């Protein structure tokens, strides 16, 4: 431990604490809350992806309560490059309601416990999808347009920022870069992205986001 910095010490302290172990133990949760989130559902083997587990979102809430600052949850399978025995419409009807229920339950649970104002929920993938179907009946990677949902964390709610053309192929109004999302999250943490830097191993300072990235004004006021 003498060779690690304060952040590594903090991480090891969290991982070895009884508080974390208790947060991961769902047997300590009210059975009514567990039932409210609902049971996990398997993901089809063809996807090789995470299960559709509302219980993982419940674990996320418990970790936030325990003081964990960042929690990442993989939910379901969205690798819809081709028809895997179902059409895109059938896959959407099968998977989207499960995500909708789990996500709404998490947000309501955080709000009821007074945690939503200081917890930002971010829902997104790593890319958009092609506006047209490919020859396999699916959609491929599309970097031009994607979407994200941000909730809580003191952000202004009920706001739609940006618009695409009718095919969701190109940005038509108010483009938002991923760096602006990061800047927004840092801003709500009280970090000024215009001045804050992190030093690399050689001591050179690096800004947290690209210098022209600023918090999304429609969300932070």
Protein backbone atom coordinates (compact mmCIF):
# COMPACT_ATOMS: atom_id res chain seq x y z
CA UNK A 1 0.00 0.00 0.00
CA UNK A 2 2.98 2.33 0.40
CA UNK A 3 3.34 2.51 -3.38
CA UNK A 4 -0.20 3.58 -4.27
CA UNK A 5 -1.83 6.99 -4.30
CA UNK A 6 -4.81 8.26 -2.32
CA UNK A 7 -7.28 7.17 -4.99
CA UNK A 8 -6.04 3.56 -4.95
CA UNK A 9 -6.20 3.56 -1.15
CA UNK A 10 -9.78 4.79 -1.33
CA UNK A 11 -10.72 2.11 -3.89
CA UNK A 12 -9.16 -0.69 -1.84
CA UNK A 13 -10.88 0.65 1.25
CA UNK A 14 -14.27 0.48 -0.48
CA UNK A 15 -13.68 -3.03 -1.86
CA UNK A 16 -12.63 -4.43 1.50
CA UNK A 17 -15.26 -2.71 3.63
CA UNK A 18 -18.11 -4.55 5.30
CA UNK A 19 -20.38 -1.73 4.13
CA UNK A 20 -19.86 -2.75 0.51
CA UNK A 21 -20.45 -6.42 1.29
CA UNK A 22 -23.70 -5.52 3.02
CA UNK A 23 -24.82 -3.42 0.04
CA UNK A 24 -24.26 -6.39 -2.29
CA UNK A 25 -26.36 -8.69 -0.11
CA UNK A 26 -29.93 -8.53 -1.46
CA UNK A 27 -31.18 -10.71 1.39
CA UNK A 28 -31.00 -7.52 3.49
CA UNK A 29 -33.45 -5.75 1.17
CA UNK A 30 -37.17 -5.47 1.81
CA UNK A 31 -38.80 -8.36 -0.13
CA UNK A 32 -41.48 -5.95 -1.37
CA UNK A 33 -38.81 -3.80 -3.01
CA UNK A 34 -37.20 -6.84 -4.61
CA UNK A 35 -40.56 -7.88 -6.01
CA UNK A 36 -41.18 -4.35 -7.25
CA UNK A 37 -38.02 -4.42 -9.38
CA UNK A 38 -38.97 -7.83 -10.75
CA UNK A 39 -37.03 -10.96 -11.64
CA UNK A 40 -34.14 -11.25 -14.05
CA UNK A 41 -34.77 -12.63 -17.51
CA UNK A 42 -32.15 -14.49 -19.53
CA UNK A 43 -30.73 -13.08 -22.72
CA UNK A 44 -30.90 -15.27 -25.80
CA UNK A 45 -27.69 -17.25 -26.21
CA UNK A 46 -27.05 -15.77 -29.64
CA UNK A 47 -26.37 -12.37 -28.11
CA UNK A 48 -23.65 -13.38 -25.62
CA UNK A 49 -24.61 -10.36 -23.54
CA UNK A 50 -25.78 -9.34 -20.08
CA UNK A 51 -29.07 -10.65 -18.69
CA UNK A 52 -32.07 -8.37 -18.40
CA UNK A 53 -31.71 -8.07 -14.64
CA UNK A 54 -33.70 -5.41 -12.74
CA UNK A 55 -31.97 -6.81 -9.65
CA UNK A 56 -28.70 -5.35 -10.93
CA UNK A 57 -30.34 -1.92 -10.90
CA UNK A 58 -31.50 -2.59 -7.35
CA UNK A 59 -27.89 -3.42 -6.46
CA UNK A 60 -26.87 -0.13 -8.06
CA UNK A 61 -29.27 1.75 -5.79
CA UNK A 62 -27.92 -0.08 -2.74
CA UNK A 63 -24.34 0.75 -3.76
CA UNK A 64 -25.24 4.42 -4.14
CA UNK A 65 -26.76 4.34 -0.66
CA UNK A 66 -23.51 2.82 0.63
CA UNK A 67 -21.50 5.71 -0.79
CA UNK A 68 -20.18 4.28 -4.07
CA UNK A 69 -19.68 7.23 -6.42
CA UNK A 70 -19.96 5.54 -9.83
CA UNK A 71 -21.91 2.38 -10.70
CA UNK A 72 -22.11 0.85 -14.19
CA UNK A 73 -24.82 -1.66 -15.13
CA UNK A 74 -25.04 -3.62 -18.38
CA UNK A 75 -28.67 -4.48 -19.09
CA UNK A 76 -29.81 -6.81 -21.83
CA UNK A 77 -28.58 -7.28 -25.37
CA UNK A 78 -28.88 -4.74 -28.14
CA UNK A 79 -26.52 -6.20 -30.74
CA UNK A 80 -29.19 -6.18 -33.41
CA UNK A 81 -27.07 -6.40 -36.55
CA UNK A 82 -29.31 -9.02 -38.05
CA UNK A 83 -32.46 -11.05 -37.74
CA UNK A 84 -31.77 -13.61 -34.99
CA UNK A 85 -34.97 -15.51 -35.46
CA UNK A 86 -37.06 -12.39 -34.84
CA UNK A 87 -37.64 -9.15 -36.70
CA UNK A 88 -36.44 -5.85 -35.23
CA UNK A 89 -40.03 -5.04 -34.31
CA UNK A 90 -40.39 -8.34 -32.44
CA UNK A 91 -37.07 -7.84 -30.63
CA UNK A 92 -38.07 -4.32 -29.63
CA UNK A 93 -41.39 -5.53 -28.21
CA UNK A 94 -39.57 -8.23 -26.28
CA UNK A 95 -36.72 -6.17 -24.80
CA UNK A 96 -37.73 -2.52 -24.54
CA UNK A 97 -40.57 -3.00 -22.00
CA UNK A 98 -38.15 -4.81 -19.67
CA UNK A 99 -35.68 -1.93 -19.82
CA UNK A 100 -38.48 0.60 -19.39
CA UNK A 101 -39.83 -1.13 -16.26
CA UNK A 102 -36.41 -1.59 -14.64
CA UNK A 103 -35.28 1.96 -15.36
CA UNK A 104 -38.53 3.56 -14.16
CA UNK A 105 -38.40 1.50 -10.98
CA UNK A 106 -34.83 2.59 -10.27
CA UNK A 107 -35.63 6.28 -10.81
CA UNK A 108 -38.76 6.11 -8.64
CA UNK A 109 -36.85 4.23 -5.93
CA UNK A 110 -34.04 6.79 -5.88
CA UNK A 111 -36.56 9.63 -5.76
CA UNK A 112 -38.57 8.11 -2.90
CA UNK A 113 -35.38 7.72 -0.85
CA UNK A 114 -34.25 11.29 -1.46
CA UNK A 115 -31.29 10.14 -3.54
CA UNK A 116 -32.26 11.27 -7.03
CA UNK A 117 -31.24 14.91 -6.64
CA UNK A 118 -27.64 13.89 -5.96
CA UNK A 119 -27.58 10.88 -8.28
CA UNK A 120 -27.37 11.23 -12.05
CA UNK A 121 -28.71 8.29 -14.05
CA UNK A 122 -27.20 8.05 -17.53
CA UNK A 123 -28.60 5.59 -20.08
CA UNK A 124 -26.77 5.15 -23.37
CA UNK A 125 -24.84 2.82 -25.62
CA UNK A 126 -21.56 3.33 -27.42
CA UNK A 127 -22.95 4.28 -30.84
CA UNK A 128 -26.06 4.93 -32.87
CA UNK A 129 -27.61 2.60 -35.40
CA UNK A 130 -27.85 2.87 -39.16
CA UNK A 131 -31.08 4.52 -40.35
CA UNK A 132 -31.63 1.79 -42.93
CA UNK A 133 -31.84 -1.97 -42.49
CA UNK A 134 -28.96 -4.04 -43.78
CA UNK A 135 -29.34 -7.18 -45.89
CA UNK A 136 -29.62 -9.26 -42.70
CA UNK A 137 -32.66 -7.39 -41.48
CA UNK A 138 -30.76 -5.52 -38.77
CA UNK A 139 -28.95 -2.25 -38.13
CA UNK A 140 -25.21 -1.67 -37.99
CA UNK A 141 -23.01 0.88 -36.19
CA UNK A 142 -23.70 4.53 -36.98
CA UNK A 143 -21.47 7.25 -35.46
CA UNK A 144 -23.38 10.19 -36.94
CA UNK A 145 -26.30 10.13 -34.51
CA UNK A 146 -26.94 8.53 -31.14
CA UNK A 147 -29.11 9.26 -28.13
CA UNK A 148 -28.73 9.43 -24.36
CA UNK A 149 -31.05 9.81 -21.41
CA UNK A 150 -29.95 11.79 -18.34
CA UNK A 151 -32.06 11.94 -15.21
CA UNK A 152 -31.66 13.29 -11.68
CA UNK A 153 -28.49 14.85 -10.36
CA UNK A 154 -30.07 18.29 -10.14
CA UNK A 155 -30.42 18.47 -13.92
CA UNK A 156 -33.40 20.16 -15.54
CA UNK A 157 -35.86 17.42 -16.49
CA UNK A 158 -38.35 16.95 -19.30
CA UNK A 159 -36.03 18.55 -21.84
CA UNK A 160 -35.21 17.24 -25.31
CA UNK A 161 -31.91 18.64 -26.59
CA UNK A 162 -31.18 18.40 -30.31
CA UNK A 163 -33.04 16.93 -33.25
CA UNK A 164 -32.34 14.76 -36.27
CA UNK A 165 -33.91 14.46 -39.68
CA UNK A 166 -36.94 12.22 -40.11
CA UNK A 167 -34.72 9.15 -40.61
CA UNK A 168 -32.56 9.70 -37.51
CA UNK A 169 -29.64 9.72 -39.94
CA UNK A 170 -28.13 13.19 -39.47
CA UNK A 171 -28.24 15.90 -36.83
CA UNK A 172 -30.59 18.63 -37.92
CA UNK A 173 -30.60 20.98 -34.92
CA UNK A 174 -28.48 21.63 -31.80
CA UNK A 175 -25.80 18.92 -32.03
CA UNK A 176 -24.51 17.66 -28.67
CA UNK A 177 -21.10 16.00 -28.42
CA UNK A 178 -20.32 13.25 -25.94
CA UNK A 179 -17.71 15.58 -24.45
CA UNK A 180 -20.53 17.97 -23.52
CA UNK A 181 -22.23 15.16 -21.60
CA UNK A 182 -19.00 14.57 -19.66
CA UNK A 183 -18.67 18.30 -19.03
CA UNK A 184 -22.22 18.36 -17.69
CA UNK A 185 -21.55 15.51 -15.27
CA UNK A 186 -18.33 17.11 -14.04
CA UNK A 187 -20.17 20.42 -13.61
CA UNK A 188 -22.79 18.81 -11.37
CA UNK A 189 -19.95 17.34 -9.30
CA UNK A 190 -18.66 20.85 -8.74
CA UNK A 191 -15.68 20.49 -11.06
CA UNK A 192 -14.81 23.38 -13.38
CA UNK A 193 -13.77 21.68 -16.63
CA UNK A 194 -12.21 24.92 -17.91
CA UNK A 195 -9.54 24.81 -15.20
CA UNK A 196 -9.39 21.31 -13.69
CA UNK A 197 -6.55 19.08 -14.92
CA UNK A 198 -5.12 15.65 -14.14
CA UNK A 199 -1.38 15.03 -14.37
CA UNK A 200 -0.11 12.03 -16.34
CA UNK A 201 2.80 9.85 -15.20
CA UNK A 202 5.30 12.38 -16.51
CA UNK A 203 3.62 15.23 -14.64
CA UNK A 204 2.03 16.90 -17.67
CA UNK A 205 -1.46 18.31 -17.01
CA UNK A 206 -4.42 17.17 -19.09
CA UNK A 207 -7.86 18.74 -19.15
CA UNK A 208 -10.78 16.46 -18.33
CA UNK A 209 -12.60 17.21 -21.59
CA UNK A 210 -11.79 18.88 -24.88
CA UNK A 211 -11.24 22.59 -24.26
CA UNK A 212 -14.31 23.68 -26.26
CA UNK A 213 -16.68 21.29 -24.42
CA UNK A 214 -19.00 23.01 -21.96
CA UNK A 215 -21.94 21.79 -19.83
CA UNK A 216 -25.22 21.44 -21.73
CA UNK A 217 -26.93 24.75 -21.01
CA UNK A 218 -30.44 23.35 -21.46
CA UNK A 219 -29.84 20.94 -18.57
CA UNK A 220 -27.81 22.99 -16.12
CA UNK A 221 -29.51 26.38 -16.57
